[in-house]
Amino acid sequence: MERINCRKCVHFYITWEKTHPYGCRAMGFKTDVLPSVRVYQSSGVQCLRFVEKKFNKE
C-alpha cells in the first residue's frame, strides 16, 4: 500500500503554529504530523479526501 503524501494534495496547508504546523482543509483540522498520518493513526484507513494538485508544465 502506498503512503499518501499530503504535500501533493490541494487540501493541505501550513498553519505556521508551532504546536500544529500542518492542516487539512477538507477535514478541518490541524496537527503536529502530516494529516494523512493522523487520519491513518485514528481510523486505520488511508485518507479518502486526497486530491492531487495539478501542476502546469509550461
C-alpha atoms as a PDB file:
ATOM      1  CA  MET A   1       0.000   0.000   0.000  1.00  0.00           C
ATOM      2  CA  GLU A   2       1.400   3.399  -0.998  1.00  0.00           C
ATOM      3  CA  ARG A   3       1.521   6.138   1.618  1.00  0.00           C
ATOM      4  CA  ILE A   4      -0.342   9.370   0.805  1.00  0.00           C
ATOM      5  CA  ASN A   5       1.825  12.486   0.566  1.00  0.00           C
ATOM      6  CA  CYS A   6      -0.214  15.420   1.896  1.00  0.00           C
ATOM      7  CA  ARG A   7       2.189  17.918   0.349  1.00  0.00           C
ATOM      8  CA  LYS A   8       0.795  16.918  -3.066  1.00  0.00           C
ATOM      9  CA  CYS A   9      -2.848  17.415  -2.000  1.00  0.00           C
ATOM     10  CA  VAL A  10      -4.959  20.510  -2.740  1.00  0.00           C
ATOM     11  CA  HIS A  11      -6.402  20.436   0.803  1.00  0.00           C
ATOM     12  CA  PHE A  12      -3.030  20.549   2.606  1.00  0.00           C
ATOM     13  CA  TYR A  13      -1.741  23.795   4.120  1.00  0.00           C
ATOM     14  CA  ILE A  14       0.884  25.116   6.534  1.00  0.00           C
ATOM     15  CA  THR A  15      -0.578  26.797   9.632  1.00  0.00           C
ATOM     16  CA  TRP A  16       2.647  28.333  10.989  1.00  0.00           C
ATOM     17  CA  GLU A  17       1.590  27.361  14.525  1.00  0.00           C
ATOM     18  CA  LYS A  18       4.436  25.745  16.471  1.00  0.00           C
ATOM     19  CA  THR A  19       2.309  23.037  18.053  1.00  0.00           C
ATOM     20  CA  HIS A  20       0.138  22.260  14.995  1.00  0.00           C
ATOM     21  CA  PRO A  21       2.079  23.219  11.847  1.00  0.00           C
ATOM     22  CA  TYR A  22       0.064  21.165   9.307  1.00  0.00           C
ATOM     23  CA  GLY A  23      -3.590  21.377   8.341  1.00  0.00           C
ATOM     24  CA  CYS A  24      -6.222  19.764   6.148  1.00  0.00           C
ATOM     25  CA  ARG A  25      -8.964  21.998   4.736  1.00  0.00           C
ATOM     26  CA  ALA A  26     -11.097  19.051   3.616  1.00  0.00           C
ATOM     27  CA  MET A  27     -11.323  17.546   7.102  1.00  0.00           C
ATOM     28  CA  GLY A  28     -10.997  20.808   9.017  1.00  0.00           C
ATOM     29  CA  PHE A  29      -8.200  20.040  11.468  1.00  0.00           C
ATOM     30  CA  LYS A  30      -4.611  20.986  12.343  1.00  0.00           C
ATOM     31  CA  THR A  31      -1.999  18.524  13.580  1.00  0.00           C
ATOM     32  CA  ASP A  32       1.647  18.085  14.556  1.00  0.00           C
ATOM     33  CA  VAL A  33       2.206  15.361  11.903  1.00  0.00           C
ATOM     34  CA  LEU A  34       1.061  15.164   8.294  1.00  0.00           C
ATOM     35  CA  PRO A  35      -2.745  14.928   8.231  1.00  0.00           C
ATOM     36  CA  SER A  36      -2.715  11.635   6.286  1.00  0.00           C
ATOM     37  CA  VAL A  37      -0.605  10.079   9.041  1.00  0.00           C
ATOM     38  CA  ARG A  38      -3.022  11.320  11.734  1.00  0.00           C
ATOM     39  CA  VAL A  39      -6.026  10.002   9.772  1.00  0.00           C
ATOM     40  CA  TYR A  40      -4.400   6.573   9.447  1.00  0.00           C
ATOM     41  CA  GLN A  41      -3.452   6.515  13.146  1.00  0.00           C
ATOM     42  CA  SER A  42      -7.009   7.422  14.145  1.00  0.00           C
ATOM     43  CA  SER A  43      -9.023   5.241  11.790  1.00  0.00           C
ATOM     44  CA  GLY A  44      -6.686   2.641  10.296  1.00  0.00           C
ATOM     45  CA  VAL A  45      -7.801   3.762   6.812  1.00  0.00           C
ATOM     46  CA  GLN A  46      -5.893   5.837   4.251  1.00  0.00           C
ATOM     47  CA  CYS A  47      -7.189   9.379   3.682  1.00  0.00           C
ATOM     48  CA  LEU A  48     -10.229   9.347   1.372  1.00  0.00           C
ATOM     49  CA  ARG A  49     -10.165  13.105   0.661  1.00  0.00           C
ATOM     50  CA  PHE A  50      -6.821  13.198  -1.179  1.00  0.00           C
ATOM     51  CA  VAL A  51      -6.961  15.222  -4.414  1.00  0.00           C
ATOM     52  CA  GLU A  52      -3.653  15.617  -6.235  1.00  0.00           C
ATOM     53  CA  LYS A  53      -2.548  19.140  -7.139  1.00  0.00           C
ATOM     54  CA  LYS A  54      -2.349  19.975 -10.822  1.00  0.00           C
ATOM     55  CA  PHE A  55       0.994  21.440 -11.936  1.00  0.00           C
ATOM     56  CA  ASN A  56       1.455  23.439 -15.137  1.00  0.00           C
ATOM     57  CA  LYS A  57       4.488  22.276 -17.095  1.00  0.00           C
ATOM     58  CA  GLU A  58       4.957  25.319 -19.285  1.00  0.00           C
END
